[in-house]
Amino acid sequence: MARPTTKKELLDQATMQFEKLQALIASMSEAQQDRDFCFQLTDKDKETHWKRDRNLRDVLIHLYEWHQLLLIFVKNNRGSTEVIPFLPAPYNWRNYGRLNRDFWEKHQSTGLVEAKRLLQKSHTEVLSMIESFSDEELFTKVYFPWSGTTSVGAYCVSATSSHYNWAIKKLKRQIKALA
C-alpha cells in the first residue's frame, strides 16, 4: 500500500485499516480477545512491543494513546506562537520507548470493553481532525513551523493506517498461534 499523499488517501487508508482491524477483532471469540498472547517470540522479534503488549487490550490502548498524542499535538500548536513538541516532556524520539511503557502501565486496570470504546472514539476524533486540514496543510513539509521537518500528514499516517497495520500483524500472529 502506497503512503498517502492526499487527504482523501489518508482518510481512505485510515478508515480501511481501522475496519480491517475491527474485522479481525470480531473474528476472535470473546475468550480469545480476553486472553494473553500465546505466540512464540523469535530472534527477529527485537522490538520492545513484542514483550510489552501482552494482549488485545494492550494493543488497543497503545493505538488510543498515540491518537491522543496526535490530537493534543495539533490542538496545542494550531494557532499558537509557541511550538509544543509531539512528545510530552521528558520524552523525546530517543527515549519514547519509556513513554510507551508508561502508557502500558497506566492502563493495566483498563478493561477490554473500555479500551475498545476509547479507541473507537479517538479514531473518530482523529478522522475529524484530519478533515479540518487541506491537502496542502497536511502534506507540505514544514507548512507549519510546529511540524518540524516533516508534514502533519506524516504524523497522521503514523498514528492511523501505519499503526493499525502494526496492530493487525500482531493480532494475526495471535490468531495463527490459537489455530
Protein backbone atom coordinates (compact mmCIF):
# COMPACT_ATOMS: atom_id res chain seq x y z
CA MET A 1 0.00 0.00 0.00
CA ALA A 2 1.48 3.32 -1.07
CA ARG A 3 1.88 6.00 1.56
CA PRO A 4 -0.93 8.59 1.32
CA THR A 5 -0.14 11.91 -0.34
CA THR A 6 -3.62 13.47 -0.23
CA LYS A 7 -6.23 13.96 2.46
CA LYS A 8 -8.59 11.58 0.65
CA GLU A 9 -5.94 8.85 0.50
CA LEU A 10 -5.08 9.41 4.17
CA LEU A 11 -8.72 9.19 5.26
CA ASP A 12 -9.37 6.19 3.00
CA GLN A 13 -6.35 4.26 4.27
CA ALA A 14 -7.02 5.13 7.90
CA THR A 15 -10.63 4.00 7.53
CA MET A 16 -9.76 0.85 5.59
CA GLN A 17 -7.04 -0.27 8.02
CA PHE A 18 -9.24 0.51 11.04
CA GLU A 19 -12.07 -1.55 9.52
CA LYS A 20 -9.62 -4.42 8.85
CA LEU A 21 -8.51 -4.25 12.47
CA GLN A 22 -12.11 -4.24 13.70
CA ALA A 23 -13.00 -7.21 11.45
CA LEU A 24 -10.00 -9.13 12.75
CA ILE A 25 -11.05 -8.48 16.33
CA ALA A 26 -14.63 -9.51 15.52
CA SER A 27 -13.33 -12.79 14.09
CA MET A 28 -12.00 -13.70 17.53
CA SER A 29 -14.19 -15.18 20.24
CA GLU A 30 -14.61 -13.21 23.46
CA ALA A 31 -12.34 -15.69 25.22
CA GLN A 32 -9.65 -15.23 22.55
CA GLN A 33 -9.95 -11.44 22.83
CA ASP A 34 -9.55 -11.60 26.61
CA ARG A 35 -6.58 -13.94 26.81
CA ASP A 36 -2.91 -13.05 26.82
CA PHE A 37 -0.96 -13.57 23.64
CA CYS A 38 0.45 -17.05 23.29
CA PHE A 39 2.57 -16.80 20.15
CA GLN A 40 6.24 -17.66 20.40
CA LEU A 41 8.79 -14.87 20.16
CA THR A 42 11.69 -15.38 17.76
CA ASP A 43 15.13 -13.86 17.37
CA LYS A 44 13.59 -11.47 14.84
CA ASP A 45 11.26 -10.01 17.49
CA LYS A 46 13.70 -7.45 18.84
CA GLU A 47 11.25 -4.52 19.12
CA THR A 48 10.13 -3.81 22.68
CA HIS A 49 6.42 -4.06 21.84
CA TRP A 50 6.67 -7.84 21.38
CA LYS A 51 7.25 -8.24 25.10
CA ARG A 52 5.36 -5.15 26.30
CA ASP A 53 1.94 -5.65 24.69
CA ARG A 54 0.65 -8.91 26.12
CA ASN A 55 -2.98 -8.89 24.95
CA LEU A 56 -5.54 -7.20 22.73
CA ARG A 57 -6.30 -4.55 25.36
CA ASP A 58 -2.63 -3.52 25.45
CA VAL A 59 -2.54 -3.13 21.65
CA LEU A 60 -5.77 -1.11 21.53
CA ILE A 61 -4.65 1.16 24.36
CA HIS A 62 -1.34 1.75 22.59
CA LEU A 63 -3.25 2.91 19.50
CA TYR A 64 -5.55 5.08 21.62
CA GLU A 65 -2.68 6.79 23.45
CA TRP A 66 -0.90 7.59 20.16
CA HIS A 67 -4.14 9.10 18.88
CA GLN A 68 -4.14 11.26 22.00
CA LEU A 69 -0.57 12.39 21.32
CA LEU A 70 -1.56 13.43 17.80
CA LEU A 71 -4.76 15.19 18.85
CA ILE A 72 -3.02 17.07 21.67
CA PHE A 73 -0.07 17.97 19.42
CA VAL A 74 -2.35 19.54 16.81
CA LYS A 75 -4.65 21.21 19.34
CA ASN A 76 -1.77 22.75 21.30
CA ASN A 77 0.03 24.04 18.22
CA ARG A 78 -2.78 25.24 15.97
CA GLY A 79 -2.99 28.98 16.36
CA SER A 80 -0.18 29.05 18.90
CA THR A 81 3.00 31.07 18.55
CA GLU A 82 4.89 28.68 20.80
CA VAL A 83 5.98 25.35 19.33
CA ILE A 84 4.98 22.43 21.54
CA PRO A 85 6.67 19.13 20.63
CA PHE A 86 4.77 15.99 19.66
CA LEU A 87 6.14 14.00 22.57
CA PRO A 88 5.49 15.46 26.03
CA ALA A 89 8.44 16.23 28.29
CA PRO A 90 10.56 14.48 29.44
CA TYR A 91 10.20 12.19 26.40
CA ASN A 92 11.89 12.58 23.04
CA TRP A 93 12.46 10.38 19.98
CA ARG A 94 15.45 8.73 21.68
CA ASN A 95 13.55 7.64 24.80
CA TYR A 96 9.93 7.33 23.64
CA GLY A 97 10.06 3.62 24.45
CA ARG A 98 9.65 4.66 28.07
CA LEU A 99 6.55 6.66 27.11
CA ASN A 100 5.05 3.53 25.53
CA ARG A 101 5.84 1.60 28.71
CA ASP A 102 4.23 4.34 30.80
CA PHE A 103 1.08 4.11 28.63
CA TRP A 104 1.08 0.36 29.20
CA GLU A 105 1.44 0.77 32.97
CA LYS A 106 -1.24 3.47 33.11
CA HIS A 107 -3.82 1.18 31.53
CA GLN A 108 -3.27 -2.13 33.29
CA SER A 109 -6.60 -1.67 35.09
CA THR A 110 -8.44 -0.57 31.93
CA GLY A 111 -10.78 -3.27 30.69
CA LEU A 112 -11.02 -4.53 27.13
CA VAL A 113 -14.51 -3.10 26.61
CA GLU A 114 -13.28 0.33 27.72
CA ALA A 115 -10.17 0.04 25.52
CA LYS A 116 -12.38 -0.69 22.51
CA ARG A 117 -14.62 2.28 23.33
CA LEU A 118 -11.68 4.65 23.81
CA LEU A 119 -10.08 3.58 20.53
CA GLN A 120 -13.31 3.93 18.55
CA LYS A 121 -13.84 7.42 19.96
CA SER A 122 -10.26 8.56 19.35
CA HIS A 123 -10.25 7.13 15.82
CA THR A 124 -13.36 9.20 15.04
CA GLU A 125 -11.75 12.29 16.59
CA VAL A 126 -8.56 11.83 14.56
CA LEU A 127 -10.52 11.47 11.29
CA SER A 128 -12.45 14.64 12.14
CA MET A 129 -9.21 16.48 12.90
CA ILE A 130 -7.71 15.32 9.59
CA GLU A 131 -10.83 16.58 7.78
CA SER A 132 -10.14 20.06 9.18
CA PHE A 133 -6.90 20.35 7.17
CA SER A 134 -6.41 20.97 3.47
CA ASP A 135 -4.21 18.73 1.31
CA GLU A 136 -1.57 21.45 1.32
CA GLU A 137 -1.64 21.81 5.10
CA LEU A 138 -1.39 18.04 5.55
CA PHE A 139 1.29 17.15 3.03
CA THR A 140 3.54 20.16 2.57
CA LYS A 141 6.68 19.66 4.63
CA VAL A 142 7.29 22.46 7.10
CA TYR A 143 3.93 24.07 6.19
CA PHE A 144 3.51 24.66 9.89
CA PRO A 145 6.58 25.61 11.93
CA TRP A 146 5.42 23.23 14.66
CA SER A 147 5.55 20.13 12.45
CA GLY A 148 9.34 20.31 12.25
CA THR A 149 10.94 18.98 9.08
CA THR A 150 8.01 16.73 8.26
CA SER A 151 4.36 17.21 7.40
CA VAL A 152 1.32 17.00 9.63
CA GLY A 153 0.07 14.28 7.28
CA ALA A 154 3.10 12.14 8.10
CA TYR A 155 2.21 12.30 11.79
CA CYS A 156 -1.36 11.34 10.89
CA VAL A 157 -0.29 8.37 8.76
CA SER A 158 1.91 7.13 11.58
CA ALA A 159 -0.88 7.40 14.16
CA THR A 160 -3.52 5.80 11.94
CA SER A 161 -3.01 3.44 8.99
CA SER A 162 0.62 2.55 9.78
CA HIS A 163 -0.16 1.91 13.43
CA TYR A 164 -3.30 -0.05 12.55
CA ASN A 165 -1.22 -2.20 10.22
CA TRP A 166 1.19 -2.90 13.11
CA ALA A 167 -1.74 -3.98 15.29
CA ILE A 168 -3.19 -6.17 12.53
CA LYS A 169 0.12 -8.03 12.13
CA LYS A 170 0.31 -8.62 15.85
CA LEU A 171 -3.26 -9.91 16.07
CA LYS A 172 -2.82 -12.15 13.02
CA ARG A 173 0.13 -13.73 14.76
CA GLN A 174 -2.00 -14.41 17.82
CA ILE A 175 -4.85 -15.84 15.75
CA LYS A 176 -2.39 -18.13 13.96
CA ALA A 177 -0.99 -19.30 17.31
CA LEU A 178 -4.51 -20.07 18.55
CA ALA A 179 -5.39 -22.13 15.45
